[in-house]
Amino acid sequence: MDAKKEKQAMDPLQGYQPPFKNKESKKVSPLTKLIVEKAQIKYTIEFIFSLKAANKQRPNNMTELDFPQKKRGTNNFRKKVLTEKDRFNKMVGEIRILLNKLSGMNFDTISFKLMTNFSYTPSLLYELMKMIFIKATGERAYLDVYVKLCASLFKKFNNPEKHEMNFKKLLITKCQNQFFKMLNKEREERKLRRNSMEANPEQENDKEEFSKPMMYLFDDKEL
């Protein structure tokens, strides 16, 4: 019994042999050896790029892979066909974006895009003039930039026969209309303030308000 206990103490697995311990390793085929050898070869960048010229076209016997989930524009939503009004509004928006970016630093780039990126019609040219007028009268810090832009537009759009394609005439007409609009509005306001002063002679603050000129008047459609 003592000998048996000593044997179990020396061999705790009690003679257990793993099933794959004495199993011979499988023989590797020559094809597998060749694949492993090829995989261990290191190719240079020059060699990889040299294969580009010889493999530009897909082989005739190679099926074309199809990945519908990665294709763009294959959804069921149809692209909206832009109407003439939509295209016009899109161009007006792009012009407004360029004018918002205009400054003394990028004047040459932005002015070139304004004069070359759009096919100007009388309506579009009028919208350009209107946006420049509103910005020039409302943004005093960039007044010199807008004056310089107007000078460039005077040279490009100077059709003497068509008034609607002459930027200088369009701008002068706009300034005249705006002047008389502000003048008439100021006369009405002065008349109301004068009547208020006559009705309430004790109010001194109205005298100061009476001398204040009107600043700017724009229609809702112009803003």
C-alpha atoms as a PDB file:
ATOM      1  CA  MET A   1       0.000   0.000   0.000  1.00  0.00           C
ATOM      2  CA  ASP A   2       2.824   2.364   0.839  1.00  0.00           C
ATOM      3  CA  ALA A   3       4.410   1.737  -2.561  1.00  0.00           C
ATOM      4  CA  LYS A   4       1.126   2.486  -4.305  1.00  0.00           C
ATOM      5  CA  LYS A   5       0.681   5.773  -2.422  1.00  0.00           C
ATOM      6  CA  GLU A   6       4.229   6.806  -3.274  1.00  0.00           C
ATOM      7  CA  LYS A   7       3.567   6.063  -6.951  1.00  0.00           C
ATOM      8  CA  GLN A   8       0.356   8.195  -6.923  1.00  0.00           C
ATOM      9  CA  ALA A   9       2.245  11.042  -5.227  1.00  0.00           C
ATOM     10  CA  MET A  10       4.923  10.938  -7.929  1.00  0.00           C
ATOM     11  CA  ASP A  11       2.332  10.715 -10.762  1.00  0.00           C
ATOM     12  CA  PRO A  12      -0.742  12.838  -9.856  1.00  0.00           C
ATOM     13  CA  LEU A  13      -2.320  12.185 -13.284  1.00  0.00           C
ATOM     14  CA  GLN A  14      -2.169   8.465 -12.565  1.00  0.00           C
ATOM     15  CA  GLY A  15      -0.681   7.580 -15.907  1.00  0.00           C
ATOM     16  CA  TYR A  16      -3.067   9.751 -18.019  1.00  0.00           C
ATOM     17  CA  GLN A  17      -1.703  10.327 -21.524  1.00  0.00           C
ATOM     18  CA  PRO A  18      -3.017  13.170 -23.760  1.00  0.00           C
ATOM     19  CA  PRO A  19      -4.603  11.737 -26.917  1.00  0.00           C
ATOM     20  CA  PHE A  20      -2.363  13.826 -29.268  1.00  0.00           C
ATOM     21  CA  LYS A  21       0.881  13.457 -27.392  1.00  0.00           C
ATOM     22  CA  ASN A  22       2.350  10.629 -29.407  1.00  0.00           C
ATOM     23  CA  LYS A  23       0.470  11.474 -32.614  1.00  0.00           C
ATOM     24  CA  GLU A  24       2.733  12.272 -35.508  1.00  0.00           C
ATOM     25  CA  SER A  25       2.409  15.709 -37.040  1.00  0.00           C
ATOM     26  CA  LYS A  26       0.577  15.876 -40.326  1.00  0.00           C
ATOM     27  CA  LYS A  27       2.671  16.055 -43.427  1.00  0.00           C
ATOM     28  CA  VAL A  28       2.612  19.446 -45.200  1.00  0.00           C
ATOM     29  CA  SER A  29       1.881  19.307 -48.918  1.00  0.00           C
ATOM     30  CA  PRO A  30       4.275  20.918 -51.416  1.00  0.00           C
ATOM     31  CA  LEU A  31       1.567  23.406 -52.465  1.00  0.00           C
ATOM     32  CA  THR A  32       1.158  24.577 -48.884  1.00  0.00           C
ATOM     33  CA  LYS A  33       4.911  24.979 -48.538  1.00  0.00           C
ATOM     34  CA  LEU A  34       4.965  27.060 -51.717  1.00  0.00           C
ATOM     35  CA  ILE A  35       2.145  29.314 -50.481  1.00  0.00           C
ATOM     36  CA  VAL A  36       3.916  29.848 -47.167  1.00  0.00           C
ATOM     37  CA  GLU A  37       7.159  30.682 -48.917  1.00  0.00           C
ATOM     38  CA  LYS A  38       5.400  33.174 -51.201  1.00  0.00           C
ATOM     39  CA  ALA A  39       3.690  34.802 -48.229  1.00  0.00           C
ATOM     40  CA  GLN A  40       7.039  35.360 -46.543  1.00  0.00           C
ATOM     41  CA  ILE A  41       8.470  37.239 -49.512  1.00  0.00           C
ATOM     42  CA  LYS A  42       8.706  41.002 -48.969  1.00  0.00           C
ATOM     43  CA  TYR A  43       7.959  43.144 -52.037  1.00  0.00           C
ATOM     44  CA  THR A  44       9.291  46.647 -52.485  1.00  0.00           C
ATOM     45  CA  ILE A  45       7.116  49.680 -53.169  1.00  0.00           C
ATOM     46  CA  GLU A  46       8.678  50.072 -56.619  1.00  0.00           C
ATOM     47  CA  PHE A  47       7.709  46.536 -57.561  1.00  0.00           C
ATOM     48  CA  ILE A  48       4.108  47.029 -56.396  1.00  0.00           C
ATOM     49  CA  PHE A  49       3.720  50.236 -58.408  1.00  0.00           C
ATOM     50  CA  SER A  50       5.230  48.557 -61.455  1.00  0.00           C
ATOM     51  CA  LEU A  51       2.225  46.207 -61.549  1.00  0.00           C
ATOM     52  CA  LYS A  52      -0.194  49.128 -61.970  1.00  0.00           C
ATOM     53  CA  ALA A  53       0.426  49.617 -65.707  1.00  0.00           C
ATOM     54  CA  ALA A  54      -0.106  45.927 -66.515  1.00  0.00           C
ATOM     55  CA  ASN A  55      -3.318  45.618 -64.476  1.00  0.00           C
ATOM     56  CA  LYS A  56      -5.300  48.708 -65.403  1.00  0.00           C
ATOM     57  CA  GLN A  57      -8.138  46.767 -67.034  1.00  0.00           C
ATOM     58  CA  ARG A  58     -10.224  44.070 -65.434  1.00  0.00           C
ATOM     59  CA  PRO A  59      -9.656  40.590 -66.963  1.00  0.00           C
ATOM     60  CA  ASN A  60     -12.450  39.373 -69.251  1.00  0.00           C
ATOM     61  CA  ASN A  61     -12.970  36.179 -67.271  1.00  0.00           C
ATOM     62  CA  MET A  62     -13.316  38.066 -63.982  1.00  0.00           C
ATOM     63  CA  THR A  63     -16.831  38.782 -62.749  1.00  0.00           C
ATOM     64  CA  GLU A  64     -17.614  42.352 -61.747  1.00  0.00           C
ATOM     65  CA  LEU A  65     -18.289  42.750 -58.062  1.00  0.00           C
ATOM     66  CA  ASP A  66     -21.565  44.354 -57.081  1.00  0.00           C
ATOM     67  CA  PHE A  67     -22.018  46.178 -53.783  1.00  0.00           C
ATOM     68  CA  PRO A  68     -25.518  47.679 -53.857  1.00  0.00           C
ATOM     69  CA  GLN A  69     -25.325  48.853 -50.259  1.00  0.00           C
ATOM     70  CA  LYS A  70     -22.327  51.046 -51.103  1.00  0.00           C
ATOM     71  CA  LYS A  71     -23.725  52.624 -54.235  1.00  0.00           C
ATOM     72  CA  ARG A  72     -24.741  56.240 -54.037  1.00  0.00           C
ATOM     73  CA  GLY A  73     -27.927  57.524 -55.511  1.00  0.00           C
ATOM     74  CA  THR A  74     -29.623  54.110 -55.623  1.00  0.00           C
ATOM     75  CA  ASN A  75     -32.252  54.944 -53.034  1.00  0.00           C
ATOM     76  CA  ASN A  76     -35.890  55.314 -53.898  1.00  0.00           C
ATOM     77  CA  PHE A  77     -35.893  59.081 -53.465  1.00  0.00           C
ATOM     78  CA  ARG A  78     -36.098  60.861 -56.771  1.00  0.00           C
ATOM     79  CA  LYS A  79     -34.015  63.927 -57.336  1.00  0.00           C
ATOM     80  CA  LYS A  80     -36.103  67.049 -57.445  1.00  0.00           C
ATOM     81  CA  VAL A  81     -36.141  68.700 -60.830  1.00  0.00           C
ATOM     82  CA  LEU A  82     -35.268  72.357 -60.332  1.00  0.00           C
ATOM     83  CA  THR A  83     -37.613  74.825 -61.911  1.00  0.00           C
ATOM     84  CA  GLU A  84     -36.512  78.125 -63.391  1.00  0.00           C
ATOM     85  CA  LYS A  85     -37.500  79.883 -60.168  1.00  0.00           C
ATOM     86  CA  ASP A  86     -35.541  77.383 -58.056  1.00  0.00           C
ATOM     87  CA  ARG A  87     -32.413  77.851 -60.161  1.00  0.00           C
ATOM     88  CA  PHE A  88     -32.787  81.622 -59.916  1.00  0.00           C
ATOM     89  CA  ASN A  89     -33.164  81.521 -56.116  1.00  0.00           C
ATOM     90  CA  LYS A  90     -30.163  79.195 -55.872  1.00  0.00           C
ATOM     91  CA  MET A  91     -27.974  81.638 -57.809  1.00  0.00           C
ATOM     92  CA  VAL A  92     -29.200  84.532 -55.659  1.00  0.00           C
ATOM     93  CA  GLY A  93     -28.241  82.556 -52.559  1.00  0.00           C
ATOM     94  CA  GLU A  94     -24.776  81.828 -53.935  1.00  0.00           C
ATOM     95  CA  ILE A  95     -24.270  85.511 -54.760  1.00  0.00           C
ATOM     96  CA  ARG A  96     -25.346  86.483 -51.242  1.00  0.00           C
ATOM     97  CA  ILE A  97     -22.825  84.026 -49.763  1.00  0.00           C
ATOM     98  CA  LEU A  98     -20.015  85.531 -51.855  1.00  0.00           C
ATOM     99  CA  LEU A  99     -20.977  89.057 -50.827  1.00  0.00           C
ATOM    100  CA  ASN A 100     -20.940  88.026 -47.165  1.00  0.00           C
ATOM    101  CA  LYS A 101     -17.367  86.781 -47.627  1.00  0.00           C
ATOM    102  CA  LEU A 102     -16.188  89.918 -49.441  1.00  0.00           C
ATOM    103  CA  SER A 103     -13.398  91.880 -47.755  1.00  0.00           C
ATOM    104  CA  GLY A 104     -10.311  93.837 -48.671  1.00  0.00           C
ATOM    105  CA  MET A 105      -8.109  90.760 -48.329  1.00  0.00           C
ATOM    106  CA  ASN A 106     -10.003  88.531 -50.789  1.00  0.00           C
ATOM    107  CA  PHE A 107     -11.457  91.210 -53.044  1.00  0.00           C
ATOM    108  CA  ASP A 108      -9.821  89.977 -56.256  1.00  0.00           C
ATOM    109  CA  THR A 109     -10.952  86.362 -55.750  1.00  0.00           C
ATOM    110  CA  ILE A 110     -14.541  87.126 -54.728  1.00  0.00           C
ATOM    111  CA  SER A 111     -15.095  89.820 -57.352  1.00  0.00           C
ATOM    112  CA  PHE A 112     -13.774  87.475 -60.061  1.00  0.00           C
ATOM    113  CA  LYS A 113     -16.219  84.770 -58.961  1.00  0.00           C
ATOM    114  CA  LEU A 114     -19.105  87.249 -58.892  1.00  0.00           C
ATOM    115  CA  MET A 115     -18.459  88.359 -62.444  1.00  0.00           C
ATOM    116  CA  THR A 116     -17.615  84.999 -64.036  1.00  0.00           C
ATOM    117  CA  ASN A 117     -19.467  82.227 -62.164  1.00  0.00           C
ATOM    118  CA  PHE A 118     -22.974  83.337 -63.112  1.00  0.00           C
ATOM    119  CA  SER A 119     -24.921  83.858 -66.314  1.00  0.00           C
ATOM    120  CA  TYR A 120     -26.471  87.205 -65.565  1.00  0.00           C
ATOM    121  CA  THR A 121     -29.950  88.039 -66.751  1.00  0.00           C
ATOM    122  CA  PRO A 122     -31.647  91.400 -66.152  1.00  0.00           C
ATOM    123  CA  SER A 123     -33.418  89.950 -63.098  1.00  0.00           C
ATOM    124  CA  LEU A 124     -30.254  88.461 -61.613  1.00  0.00           C
ATOM    125  CA  LEU A 125     -28.239  91.615 -62.250  1.00  0.00           C
ATOM    126  CA  TYR A 126     -30.933  93.651 -60.527  1.00  0.00           C
ATOM    127  CA  GLU A 127     -30.784  91.333 -57.496  1.00  0.00           C
ATOM    128  CA  LEU A 128     -26.994  91.752 -57.376  1.00  0.00           C
ATOM    129  CA  MET A 129     -27.327  95.525 -57.494  1.00  0.00           C
ATOM    130  CA  LYS A 130     -29.989  95.471 -54.776  1.00  0.00           C
ATOM    131  CA  MET A 131     -27.885  93.326 -52.414  1.00  0.00           C
ATOM    132  CA  ILE A 132     -24.806  95.513 -52.927  1.00  0.00           C
ATOM    133  CA  PHE A 133     -26.874  98.659 -52.302  1.00  0.00           C
ATOM    134  CA  ILE A 134     -28.296  97.330 -49.026  1.00  0.00           C
ATOM    135  CA  LYS A 135     -24.877  96.155 -47.814  1.00  0.00           C
ATOM    136  CA  ALA A 136     -23.122  99.387 -48.818  1.00  0.00           C
ATOM    137  CA  THR A 137     -25.667 101.544 -46.968  1.00  0.00           C
ATOM    138  CA  GLY A 138     -25.818  99.283 -43.915  1.00  0.00           C
ATOM    139  CA  GLU A 139     -22.199  98.185 -43.478  1.00  0.00           C
ATOM    140  CA  ARG A 140     -20.131 101.341 -43.235  1.00  0.00           C
ATOM    141  CA  ALA A 141     -16.934  99.430 -42.391  1.00  0.00           C
ATOM    142  CA  TYR A 142     -16.888  97.784 -45.837  1.00  0.00           C
ATOM    143  CA  LEU A 143     -18.100 100.776 -47.826  1.00  0.00           C
ATOM    144  CA  ASP A 144     -14.799 101.206 -49.683  1.00  0.00           C
ATOM    145  CA  VAL A 145     -14.865  97.530 -50.714  1.00  0.00           C
ATOM    146  CA  TYR A 146     -18.380  97.832 -52.155  1.00  0.00           C
ATOM    147  CA  VAL A 147     -17.444 101.032 -53.982  1.00  0.00           C
ATOM    148  CA  LYS A 148     -14.511  99.214 -55.553  1.00  0.00           C
ATOM    149  CA  LEU A 149     -16.798  96.321 -56.505  1.00  0.00           C
ATOM    150  CA  CYS A 150     -19.300  98.713 -58.109  1.00  0.00           C
ATOM    151  CA  ALA A 151     -16.497 100.278 -60.154  1.00  0.00           C
ATOM    152  CA  SER A 152     -15.598  96.826 -61.514  1.00  0.00           C
ATOM    153  CA  LEU A 153     -19.239  96.050 -62.277  1.00  0.00           C
ATOM    154  CA  PHE A 154     -19.615  99.383 -64.092  1.00  0.00           C
ATOM    155  CA  LYS A 155     -16.962  98.251 -66.574  1.00  0.00           C
ATOM    156  CA  LYS A 156     -18.371  94.765 -67.089  1.00  0.00           C
ATOM    157  CA  PHE A 157     -22.069  95.619 -67.397  1.00  0.00           C
ATOM    158  CA  ASN A 158     -22.140  98.856 -69.399  1.00  0.00           C
ATOM    159  CA  ASN A 159     -24.639  98.134 -72.149  1.00  0.00           C
ATOM    160  CA  PRO A 160     -25.681 101.601 -73.387  1.00  0.00           C
ATOM    161  CA  GLU A 161     -28.774 100.317 -75.202  1.00  0.00           C
ATOM    162  CA  LYS A 162     -30.282  98.000 -72.584  1.00  0.00           C
ATOM    163  CA  HIS A 163     -30.950  99.869 -69.368  1.00  0.00           C
ATOM    164  CA  GLU A 164     -31.641  96.610 -67.482  1.00  0.00           C
ATOM    165  CA  MET A 165     -28.139  95.309 -68.286  1.00  0.00           C
ATOM    166  CA  ASN A 166     -26.322  98.531 -67.382  1.00  0.00           C
ATOM    167  CA  PHE A 167     -25.223  98.263 -63.761  1.00  0.00           C
ATOM    168  CA  LYS A 168     -24.439 101.952 -63.394  1.00  0.00           C
ATOM    169  CA  LYS A 169     -27.901 103.035 -64.574  1.00  0.00           C
ATOM    170  CA  LEU A 170     -29.537 100.434 -62.344  1.00  0.00           C
ATOM    171  CA  LEU A 171     -27.628 101.685 -59.307  1.00  0.00           C
ATOM    172  CA  ILE A 172     -28.304 105.364 -60.051  1.00  0.00           C
ATOM    173  CA  THR A 173     -32.019 104.666 -60.480  1.00  0.00           C
ATOM    174  CA  LYS A 174     -32.044 102.759 -57.206  1.00  0.00           C
ATOM    175  CA  CYS A 175     -30.315 105.614 -55.383  1.00  0.00           C
ATOM    176  CA  GLN A 176     -32.783 108.150 -56.781  1.00  0.00           C
ATOM    177  CA  ASN A 177     -35.794 106.045 -55.821  1.00  0.00           C
ATOM    178  CA  GLN A 178     -34.380 105.454 -52.356  1.00  0.00           C
ATOM    179  CA  PHE A 179     -33.675 109.159 -51.887  1.00  0.00           C
ATOM    180  CA  PHE A 180     -37.216 110.221 -52.731  1.00  0.00           C
ATOM    181  CA  LYS A 181     -38.650 107.393 -50.657  1.00  0.00           C
ATOM    182  CA  MET A 182     -36.650 108.540 -47.628  1.00  0.00           C
ATOM    183  CA  LEU A 183     -37.506 112.185 -48.334  1.00  0.00           C
ATOM    184  CA  ASN A 184     -41.237 111.539 -48.484  1.00  0.00           C
ATOM    185  CA  LYS A 185     -41.105 109.383 -45.386  1.00  0.00           C
ATOM    186  CA  GLU A 186     -39.148 112.032 -43.505  1.00  0.00           C
ATOM    187  CA  ARG A 187     -41.631 114.715 -44.517  1.00  0.00           C
ATOM    188  CA  GLU A 188     -44.473 112.604 -43.164  1.00  0.00           C
ATOM    189  CA  GLU A 189     -42.629 111.973 -39.921  1.00  0.00           C
ATOM    190  CA  ARG A 190     -41.769 115.657 -39.520  1.00  0.00           C
ATOM    191  CA  LYS A 191     -45.383 116.593 -40.113  1.00  0.00           C
ATOM    192  CA  LEU A 192     -46.556 114.153 -37.450  1.00  0.00           C
ATOM    193  CA  ARG A 193     -43.950 115.417 -34.998  1.00  0.00           C
ATOM    194  CA  ARG A 194     -44.858 119.048 -35.699  1.00  0.00           C
ATOM    195  CA  ASN A 195     -48.527 118.335 -35.052  1.00  0.00           C
ATOM    196  CA  SER A 196     -47.580 116.544 -31.846  1.00  0.00           C
ATOM    197  CA  MET A 197     -45.508 119.536 -30.702  1.00  0.00           C
ATOM    198  CA  GLU A 198     -48.362 121.948 -31.404  1.00  0.00           C
ATOM    199  CA  ALA A 199     -50.785 119.744 -29.490  1.00  0.00           C
ATOM    200  CA  ASN A 200     -48.397 119.330 -26.540  1.00  0.00           C
ATOM    201  CA  PRO A 201     -46.236 122.486 -26.297  1.00  0.00           C
ATOM    202  CA  GLU A 202     -44.856 121.410 -22.895  1.00  0.00           C
ATOM    203  CA  GLN A 203     -42.985 118.408 -24.334  1.00  0.00           C
ATOM    204  CA  GLU A 204     -39.396 119.469 -24.957  1.00  0.00           C
ATOM    205  CA  ASN A 205     -38.098 116.083 -26.103  1.00  0.00           C
ATOM    206  CA  ASP A 206     -40.007 116.331 -29.372  1.00  0.00           C
ATOM    207  CA  LYS A 207     -37.859 119.279 -30.417  1.00  0.00           C
ATOM    208  CA  GLU A 208     -34.806 117.048 -30.399  1.00  0.00           C
ATOM    209  CA  GLU A 209     -36.653 114.277 -32.263  1.00  0.00           C
ATOM    210  CA  PHE A 210     -37.808 116.757 -34.870  1.00  0.00           C
ATOM    211  CA  SER A 211     -34.262 117.379 -36.124  1.00  0.00           C
ATOM    212  CA  LYS A 212     -33.361 113.686 -36.450  1.00  0.00           C
ATOM    213  CA  PRO A 213     -33.218 112.556 -40.097  1.00  0.00           C
ATOM    214  CA  MET A 214     -34.498 109.248 -41.327  1.00  0.00           C
ATOM    215  CA  MET A 215     -31.733 106.706 -41.746  1.00  0.00           C
ATOM    216  CA  TYR A 216     -32.694 103.942 -44.195  1.00  0.00           C
ATOM    217  CA  LEU A 217     -35.906 102.670 -45.684  1.00  0.00           C
ATOM    218  CA  PHE A 218     -36.134  99.291 -47.339  1.00  0.00           C
ATOM    219  CA  ASP A 219     -39.082  97.300 -48.522  1.00  0.00           C
ATOM    220  CA  ASP A 220     -39.681  93.870 -47.055  1.00  0.00           C
ATOM    221  CA  LYS A 221     -38.940  92.318 -50.431  1.00  0.00           C
ATOM    222  CA  GLU A 222     -35.490  93.931 -50.491  1.00  0.00           C
ATOM    223  CA  LEU A 223     -34.304  92.474 -47.180  1.00  0.00           C
END
